[in-house]
């Protein structure tokens, strides 16, 4: 299997779990409707850990353009592979989002809340304050990348690192998911947002393009800070 395929499938699986749990919690007449934030953060964490376990040995399981770019900046990843990884990540995210739409197909028409439908695909701020929202995403992604790099320092047994990364995602969701939905990943947000814009989702609203740059640019900034600081410290 190629690294491109691994990144595509890995990001697709991430979105299948992540957007899937949000759909279950938010869409009307779902058996898991209103089950809450803990359920959402738990599924996102598992959704990261599983593809990390499966594809880590093939592509490194970046699953995130911000991480890919940051690793290239500090010399831990080849720039020649960056475009292919990013394309694979975005394609995987769009495919995953499309499959979530199909899995919950009868529920979209039963749900009137357009913002809830958008929230299944991508993030949005609890309080719209773009500088504050940007800062939140920078901080969360800084923690993500610095910690992911740190997890690789000890010689852990096979399979332990993906589990620790999953716990990291759970903790980040619980601690920093409240203000913005903790995107921390341009592909995770923009890929499904594009799918939301394209798909014939019953009763959908607009895709909030005015906010869309925040979960793309801020994670890249946060990832670069995390990676550069890691390089300085270690």
C-alpha atoms as a PDB file:
ATOM      1  CA  UNK A   1       0.000   0.000   0.000  1.00  0.00           C
ATOM      2  CA  UNK A   2       1.279   3.479  -0.880  1.00  0.00           C
ATOM      3  CA  UNK A   3       1.570   6.345   1.587  1.00  0.00           C
ATOM      4  CA  UNK A   4      -1.014   8.243  -0.494  1.00  0.00           C
ATOM      5  CA  UNK A   5      -3.559   5.442  -0.063  1.00  0.00           C
ATOM      6  CA  UNK A   6      -2.781   5.138   3.636  1.00  0.00           C
ATOM      7  CA  UNK A   7      -3.345   8.857   4.222  1.00  0.00           C
ATOM      8  CA  UNK A   8      -6.541   8.832   2.170  1.00  0.00           C
ATOM      9  CA  UNK A   9      -8.020   5.814   3.951  1.00  0.00           C
ATOM     10  CA  UNK A  10      -6.787   6.927   7.356  1.00  0.00           C
ATOM     11  CA  UNK A  11      -8.351  10.377   7.053  1.00  0.00           C
ATOM     12  CA  UNK A  12     -11.539   8.834   5.692  1.00  0.00           C
ATOM     13  CA  UNK A  13     -11.788   6.578   8.762  1.00  0.00           C
ATOM     14  CA  UNK A  14     -11.119   9.537  11.057  1.00  0.00           C
ATOM     15  CA  UNK A  15     -14.031  11.445   9.518  1.00  0.00           C
ATOM     16  CA  UNK A  16     -16.298   8.400   9.493  1.00  0.00           C
ATOM     17  CA  UNK A  17     -15.974   8.162  13.266  1.00  0.00           C
ATOM     18  CA  UNK A  18     -15.804  11.895  13.991  1.00  0.00           C
ATOM     19  CA  UNK A  19     -18.505  13.301  11.745  1.00  0.00           C
ATOM     20  CA  UNK A  20     -20.515  10.125  12.270  1.00  0.00           C
ATOM     21  CA  UNK A  21     -20.768  10.576  16.030  1.00  0.00           C
ATOM     22  CA  UNK A  22     -21.727  14.239  15.639  1.00  0.00           C
ATOM     23  CA  UNK A  23     -24.470  13.209  13.201  1.00  0.00           C
ATOM     24  CA  UNK A  24     -25.753  10.666  15.692  1.00  0.00           C
ATOM     25  CA  UNK A  25     -25.843  13.219  18.481  1.00  0.00           C
ATOM     26  CA  UNK A  26     -27.372  16.108  16.516  1.00  0.00           C
ATOM     27  CA  UNK A  27     -29.778  14.642  13.963  1.00  0.00           C
ATOM     28  CA  UNK A  28     -33.422  14.104  14.887  1.00  0.00           C
ATOM     29  CA  UNK A  29     -34.706  10.573  15.488  1.00  0.00           C
ATOM     30  CA  UNK A  30     -31.203   9.164  15.884  1.00  0.00           C
ATOM     31  CA  UNK A  31     -30.982   6.667  18.736  1.00  0.00           C
ATOM     32  CA  UNK A  32     -27.958   8.555  20.078  1.00  0.00           C
ATOM     33  CA  UNK A  33     -29.503  12.018  19.792  1.00  0.00           C
ATOM     34  CA  UNK A  34     -28.547  14.418  22.603  1.00  0.00           C
ATOM     35  CA  UNK A  35     -25.999  11.997  24.079  1.00  0.00           C
ATOM     36  CA  UNK A  36     -23.581  14.866  24.553  1.00  0.00           C
ATOM     37  CA  UNK A  37     -20.038  16.151  24.348  1.00  0.00           C
ATOM     38  CA  UNK A  38     -18.361  13.236  26.120  1.00  0.00           C
ATOM     39  CA  UNK A  39     -19.732  10.848  23.503  1.00  0.00           C
ATOM     40  CA  UNK A  40     -18.496  13.123  20.706  1.00  0.00           C
ATOM     41  CA  UNK A  41     -14.993  13.545  22.092  1.00  0.00           C
ATOM     42  CA  UNK A  42     -14.674   9.830  22.808  1.00  0.00           C
ATOM     43  CA  UNK A  43     -15.543   8.815  19.259  1.00  0.00           C
ATOM     44  CA  UNK A  44     -13.193  11.426  17.795  1.00  0.00           C
ATOM     45  CA  UNK A  45     -10.385  10.080  19.972  1.00  0.00           C
ATOM     46  CA  UNK A  46     -11.010   6.509  18.851  1.00  0.00           C
ATOM     47  CA  UNK A  47     -11.369   7.739  15.287  1.00  0.00           C
ATOM     48  CA  UNK A  48      -7.822   9.088  15.433  1.00  0.00           C
ATOM     49  CA  UNK A  49      -6.296   6.141  17.307  1.00  0.00           C
ATOM     50  CA  UNK A  50      -7.579   3.424  14.965  1.00  0.00           C
ATOM     51  CA  UNK A  51      -6.129   4.755  11.684  1.00  0.00           C
ATOM     52  CA  UNK A  52      -2.939   5.711  13.560  1.00  0.00           C
ATOM     53  CA  UNK A  53      -2.629   2.077  14.603  1.00  0.00           C
ATOM     54  CA  UNK A  54      -3.433   0.736  11.124  1.00  0.00           C
ATOM     55  CA  UNK A  55      -1.453   3.124   8.930  1.00  0.00           C
ATOM     56  CA  UNK A  56       1.267   4.469  11.233  1.00  0.00           C
ATOM     57  CA  UNK A  57       3.826   2.017   9.870  1.00  0.00           C
ATOM     58  CA  UNK A  58       2.991   2.901   6.255  1.00  0.00           C
ATOM     59  CA  UNK A  59       2.638   6.681   6.063  1.00  0.00           C
ATOM     60  CA  UNK A  60       3.227   7.800   9.619  1.00  0.00           C
ATOM     61  CA  UNK A  61      -0.535   8.416   9.825  1.00  0.00           C
ATOM     62  CA  UNK A  62      -0.305  12.187   9.667  1.00  0.00           C
ATOM     63  CA  UNK A  63      -3.996  12.511   8.677  1.00  0.00           C
ATOM     64  CA  UNK A  64      -3.583  16.274   9.046  1.00  0.00           C
ATOM     65  CA  UNK A  65      -2.031  18.816   6.637  1.00  0.00           C
ATOM     66  CA  UNK A  66      -0.928  21.001   9.557  1.00  0.00           C
ATOM     67  CA  UNK A  67       1.127  18.147  10.981  1.00  0.00           C
ATOM     68  CA  UNK A  68       2.522  17.245   7.562  1.00  0.00           C
ATOM     69  CA  UNK A  69       3.658  20.829   6.917  1.00  0.00           C
ATOM     70  CA  UNK A  70       5.104  21.222  10.413  1.00  0.00           C
ATOM     71  CA  UNK A  71       7.114  18.002  10.122  1.00  0.00           C
ATOM     72  CA  UNK A  72       8.508  19.170   6.789  1.00  0.00           C
ATOM     73  CA  UNK A  73       9.492  22.545   8.243  1.00  0.00           C
ATOM     74  CA  UNK A  74      11.585  20.931  11.005  1.00  0.00           C
ATOM     75  CA  UNK A  75      13.160  18.432   8.623  1.00  0.00           C
ATOM     76  CA  UNK A  76      11.346  15.317   9.805  1.00  0.00           C
ATOM     77  CA  UNK A  77       9.456  14.840   6.523  1.00  0.00           C
ATOM     78  CA  UNK A  78      10.347  15.334   2.868  1.00  0.00           C
ATOM     79  CA  UNK A  79       8.856  18.411   1.190  1.00  0.00           C
ATOM     80  CA  UNK A  80       8.508  16.390  -2.012  1.00  0.00           C
ATOM     81  CA  UNK A  81       5.834  14.257  -0.333  1.00  0.00           C
ATOM     82  CA  UNK A  82       3.866  17.128   1.192  1.00  0.00           C
ATOM     83  CA  UNK A  83       1.544  17.851  -1.795  1.00  0.00           C
ATOM     84  CA  UNK A  84       0.578  14.188  -2.198  1.00  0.00           C
ATOM     85  CA  UNK A  85      -0.118  13.780   1.508  1.00  0.00           C
ATOM     86  CA  UNK A  86      -2.295  16.896   1.630  1.00  0.00           C
ATOM     87  CA  UNK A  87      -4.292  15.892  -1.447  1.00  0.00           C
ATOM     88  CA  UNK A  88      -4.849  12.423   0.021  1.00  0.00           C
ATOM     89  CA  UNK A  89      -5.958  13.880   3.359  1.00  0.00           C
ATOM     90  CA  UNK A  90      -8.487  16.223   1.759  1.00  0.00           C
ATOM     91  CA  UNK A  91      -9.865  13.527  -0.537  1.00  0.00           C
ATOM     92  CA  UNK A  92     -10.178  11.106   2.377  1.00  0.00           C
ATOM     93  CA  UNK A  93     -12.008  13.708   4.448  1.00  0.00           C
ATOM     94  CA  UNK A  94     -14.464  14.446   1.645  1.00  0.00           C
ATOM     95  CA  UNK A  95     -15.140  10.745   1.043  1.00  0.00           C
ATOM     96  CA  UNK A  96     -15.649  10.141   4.757  1.00  0.00           C
ATOM     97  CA  UNK A  97     -18.087  13.055   5.017  1.00  0.00           C
ATOM     98  CA  UNK A  98     -20.038  11.781   2.022  1.00  0.00           C
ATOM     99  CA  UNK A  99     -20.371   8.331   3.590  1.00  0.00           C
ATOM    100  CA  UNK A 100     -21.631   9.896   6.831  1.00  0.00           C
ATOM    101  CA  UNK A 101     -24.281  11.744   4.830  1.00  0.00           C
ATOM    102  CA  UNK A 102     -25.354   8.470   3.228  1.00  0.00           C
ATOM    103  CA  UNK A 103     -25.351   6.566   6.528  1.00  0.00           C
ATOM    104  CA  UNK A 104     -27.801   9.055   8.049  1.00  0.00           C
ATOM    105  CA  UNK A 105     -29.712   9.717   4.817  1.00  0.00           C
ATOM    106  CA  UNK A 106     -33.319   9.668   6.197  1.00  0.00           C
ATOM    107  CA  UNK A 107     -32.418  11.885   9.167  1.00  0.00           C
ATOM    108  CA  UNK A 108     -31.450  15.067   7.338  1.00  0.00           C
ATOM    109  CA  UNK A 109     -35.011  15.809   6.260  1.00  0.00           C
ATOM    110  CA  UNK A 110     -36.206  15.162   9.825  1.00  0.00           C
ATOM    111  CA  UNK A 111     -33.872  17.844  11.205  1.00  0.00           C
ATOM    112  CA  UNK A 112     -34.764  21.511  10.772  1.00  0.00           C
ATOM    113  CA  UNK A 113     -31.671  23.019  12.403  1.00  0.00           C
ATOM    114  CA  UNK A 114     -29.397  24.083   9.534  1.00  0.00           C
ATOM    115  CA  UNK A 115     -26.521  24.996  11.830  1.00  0.00           C
ATOM    116  CA  UNK A 116     -26.627  21.517  13.382  1.00  0.00           C
ATOM    117  CA  UNK A 117     -26.366  19.973   9.926  1.00  0.00           C
ATOM    118  CA  UNK A 118     -23.341  22.119   9.134  1.00  0.00           C
ATOM    119  CA  UNK A 119     -21.825  21.290  12.521  1.00  0.00           C
ATOM    120  CA  UNK A 120     -21.805  17.622  11.591  1.00  0.00           C
ATOM    121  CA  UNK A 121     -19.420  18.357   8.737  1.00  0.00           C
ATOM    122  CA  UNK A 122     -17.197  21.094  10.111  1.00  0.00           C
ATOM    123  CA  UNK A 123     -16.462  23.244  13.126  1.00  0.00           C
ATOM    124  CA  UNK A 124     -17.918  26.567  14.171  1.00  0.00           C
ATOM    125  CA  UNK A 125     -17.408  28.886  17.122  1.00  0.00           C
ATOM    126  CA  UNK A 126     -19.625  28.877  20.181  1.00  0.00           C
ATOM    127  CA  UNK A 127     -19.050  32.647  20.343  1.00  0.00           C
ATOM    128  CA  UNK A 128     -18.090  34.196  17.011  1.00  0.00           C
ATOM    129  CA  UNK A 129     -15.014  36.262  17.761  1.00  0.00           C
ATOM    130  CA  UNK A 130     -12.519  35.549  15.022  1.00  0.00           C
ATOM    131  CA  UNK A 131      -9.339  36.652  16.840  1.00  0.00           C
ATOM    132  CA  UNK A 132     -10.330  34.612  19.911  1.00  0.00           C
ATOM    133  CA  UNK A 133     -11.413  31.666  17.768  1.00  0.00           C
ATOM    134  CA  UNK A 134      -8.123  31.800  15.873  1.00  0.00           C
ATOM    135  CA  UNK A 135      -6.145  31.852  19.130  1.00  0.00           C
ATOM    136  CA  UNK A 136      -8.038  28.847  20.499  1.00  0.00           C
ATOM    137  CA  UNK A 137      -7.236  26.784  17.422  1.00  0.00           C
ATOM    138  CA  UNK A 138      -3.587  27.867  17.522  1.00  0.00           C
ATOM    139  CA  UNK A 139      -3.252  26.835  21.172  1.00  0.00           C
ATOM    140  CA  UNK A 140      -5.021  23.490  20.691  1.00  0.00           C
ATOM    141  CA  UNK A 141      -2.960  22.571  17.628  1.00  0.00           C
ATOM    142  CA  UNK A 142       0.260  23.697  19.290  1.00  0.00           C
ATOM    143  CA  UNK A 143      -0.460  21.255  22.127  1.00  0.00           C
ATOM    144  CA  UNK A 144      -1.394  18.533  19.633  1.00  0.00           C
ATOM    145  CA  UNK A 145       1.794  18.718  17.568  1.00  0.00           C
ATOM    146  CA  UNK A 146       4.227  19.317  20.423  1.00  0.00           C
ATOM    147  CA  UNK A 147       2.733  16.377  22.319  1.00  0.00           C
ATOM    148  CA  UNK A 148       2.553  14.046  19.309  1.00  0.00           C
ATOM    149  CA  UNK A 149       6.239  14.662  18.686  1.00  0.00           C
ATOM    150  CA  UNK A 150       6.965  14.054  22.353  1.00  0.00           C
ATOM    151  CA  UNK A 151       5.070  10.773  22.324  1.00  0.00           C
ATOM    152  CA  UNK A 152       7.611   9.499  19.794  1.00  0.00           C
ATOM    153  CA  UNK A 153      10.572  10.036  22.130  1.00  0.00           C
ATOM    154  CA  UNK A 154      10.243   7.005  24.435  1.00  0.00           C
ATOM    155  CA  UNK A 155      10.687   3.552  22.908  1.00  0.00           C
ATOM    156  CA  UNK A 156       7.105   2.433  23.461  1.00  0.00           C
ATOM    157  CA  UNK A 157       5.836  -1.049  22.699  1.00  0.00           C
ATOM    158  CA  UNK A 158       4.090  -1.489  19.360  1.00  0.00           C
ATOM    159  CA  UNK A 159       0.544  -0.204  19.527  1.00  0.00           C
ATOM    160  CA  UNK A 160       1.023   1.974  22.607  1.00  0.00           C
ATOM    161  CA  UNK A 161       1.702   5.239  20.771  1.00  0.00           C
ATOM    162  CA  UNK A 162      -1.615   5.253  18.822  1.00  0.00           C
ATOM    163  CA  UNK A 163      -3.457   4.639  22.092  1.00  0.00           C
ATOM    164  CA  UNK A 164      -1.672   7.564  23.734  1.00  0.00           C
ATOM    165  CA  UNK A 165      -2.463   9.770  20.727  1.00  0.00           C
ATOM    166  CA  UNK A 166      -6.122   8.798  21.074  1.00  0.00           C
ATOM    167  CA  UNK A 167      -6.059   9.805  24.740  1.00  0.00           C
ATOM    168  CA  UNK A 168      -4.426  13.079  23.712  1.00  0.00           C
ATOM    169  CA  UNK A 169      -7.271  13.815  21.278  1.00  0.00           C
ATOM    170  CA  UNK A 170      -9.805  12.976  23.988  1.00  0.00           C
ATOM    171  CA  UNK A 171      -8.123  15.347  26.446  1.00  0.00           C
ATOM    172  CA  UNK A 172      -7.866  18.133  23.858  1.00  0.00           C
ATOM    173  CA  UNK A 173     -11.542  17.786  23.003  1.00  0.00           C
ATOM    174  CA  UNK A 174     -12.535  17.944  26.640  1.00  0.00           C
ATOM    175  CA  UNK A 175     -10.224  20.852  27.474  1.00  0.00           C
ATOM    176  CA  UNK A 176     -10.308  22.999  24.323  1.00  0.00           C
ATOM    177  CA  UNK A 177     -13.225  21.771  22.229  1.00  0.00           C
ATOM    178  CA  UNK A 178     -15.761  24.106  23.823  1.00  0.00           C
ATOM    179  CA  UNK A 179     -14.914  27.414  22.112  1.00  0.00           C
ATOM    180  CA  UNK A 180     -14.484  26.279  18.499  1.00  0.00           C
ATOM    181  CA  UNK A 181     -15.066  22.530  18.210  1.00  0.00           C
ATOM    182  CA  UNK A 182     -11.290  21.803  18.145  1.00  0.00           C
ATOM    183  CA  UNK A 183     -10.667  21.436  14.414  1.00  0.00           C
ATOM    184  CA  UNK A 184      -6.842  21.312  14.724  1.00  0.00           C
ATOM    185  CA  UNK A 185      -6.774  19.941  11.196  1.00  0.00           C
ATOM    186  CA  UNK A 186      -7.422  21.802   7.903  1.00  0.00           C
ATOM    187  CA  UNK A 187      -8.493  18.628   6.077  1.00  0.00           C
ATOM    188  CA  UNK A 188     -10.832  17.546   8.863  1.00  0.00           C
ATOM    189  CA  UNK A 189     -12.689  20.857   8.569  1.00  0.00           C
ATOM    190  CA  UNK A 190     -12.393  22.075   4.984  1.00  0.00           C
ATOM    191  CA  UNK A 191     -12.820  18.688   3.295  1.00  0.00           C
ATOM    192  CA  UNK A 192     -16.216  17.970   4.892  1.00  0.00           C
ATOM    193  CA  UNK A 193     -17.207  21.643   4.521  1.00  0.00           C
ATOM    194  CA  UNK A 194     -16.712  21.303   0.769  1.00  0.00           C
ATOM    195  CA  UNK A 195     -18.741  18.079   0.873  1.00  0.00           C
ATOM    196  CA  UNK A 196     -21.513  19.959   2.734  1.00  0.00           C
ATOM    197  CA  UNK A 197     -21.523  22.607  -0.002  1.00  0.00           C
ATOM    198  CA  UNK A 198     -21.679  20.050  -2.819  1.00  0.00           C
ATOM    199  CA  UNK A 199     -23.956  17.314  -1.479  1.00  0.00           C
ATOM    200  CA  UNK A 200     -27.759  17.528  -1.899  1.00  0.00           C
ATOM    201  CA  UNK A 201     -28.367  17.527   1.868  1.00  0.00           C
ATOM    202  CA  UNK A 202     -32.050  17.985   2.677  1.00  0.00           C
ATOM    203  CA  UNK A 203     -32.741  21.392   4.206  1.00  0.00           C
ATOM    204  CA  UNK A 204     -29.130  22.483   4.533  1.00  0.00           C
ATOM    205  CA  UNK A 205     -28.065  26.096   4.909  1.00  0.00           C
ATOM    206  CA  UNK A 206     -24.895  27.818   3.777  1.00  0.00           C
ATOM    207  CA  UNK A 207     -21.436  26.427   4.500  1.00  0.00           C
ATOM    208  CA  UNK A 208     -20.205  29.452   6.502  1.00  0.00           C
ATOM    209  CA  UNK A 209     -17.284  30.281   4.249  1.00  0.00           C
ATOM    210  CA  UNK A 210     -16.658  33.460   6.249  1.00  0.00           C
ATOM    211  CA  UNK A 211     -15.352  31.351   9.130  1.00  0.00           C
ATOM    212  CA  UNK A 212     -13.770  28.585   7.054  1.00  0.00           C
ATOM    213  CA  UNK A 213     -10.294  30.141   6.950  1.00  0.00           C
ATOM    214  CA  UNK A 214      -9.899  29.976  10.751  1.00  0.00           C
ATOM    215  CA  UNK A 215      -9.780  26.145  11.061  1.00  0.00           C
ATOM    216  CA  UNK A 216      -7.404  26.044   8.087  1.00  0.00           C
ATOM    217  CA  UNK A 217      -4.870  28.763   8.886  1.00  0.00           C
ATOM    218  CA  UNK A 218      -4.852  28.628  12.698  1.00  0.00           C
ATOM    219  CA  UNK A 219      -3.995  24.898  12.925  1.00  0.00           C
ATOM    220  CA  UNK A 220      -1.070  25.407  10.543  1.00  0.00           C
ATOM    221  CA  UNK A 221       0.220  28.280  12.707  1.00  0.00           C
ATOM    222  CA  UNK A 222      -0.236  26.247  15.896  1.00  0.00           C
ATOM    223  CA  UNK A 223       1.432  23.199  14.375  1.00  0.00           C
ATOM    224  CA  UNK A 224       4.450  25.229  13.275  1.00  0.00           C
ATOM    225  CA  UNK A 225       4.840  26.732  16.757  1.00  0.00           C
ATOM    226  CA  UNK A 226       4.565  23.282  18.344  1.00  0.00           C
ATOM    227  CA  UNK A 227       7.077  21.689  15.991  1.00  0.00           C
ATOM    228  CA  UNK A 228       9.591  24.537  16.205  1.00  0.00           C
ATOM    229  CA  UNK A 229       9.412  24.642  19.993  1.00  0.00           C
ATOM    230  CA  UNK A 230       9.866  20.873  20.127  1.00  0.00           C
ATOM    231  CA  UNK A 231      12.976  21.222  17.985  1.00  0.00           C
ATOM    232  CA  UNK A 232      14.363  23.900  20.313  1.00  0.00           C
ATOM    233  CA  UNK A 233      13.606  21.949  23.500  1.00  0.00           C
ATOM    234  CA  UNK A 234      14.755  18.541  22.282  1.00  0.00           C
END
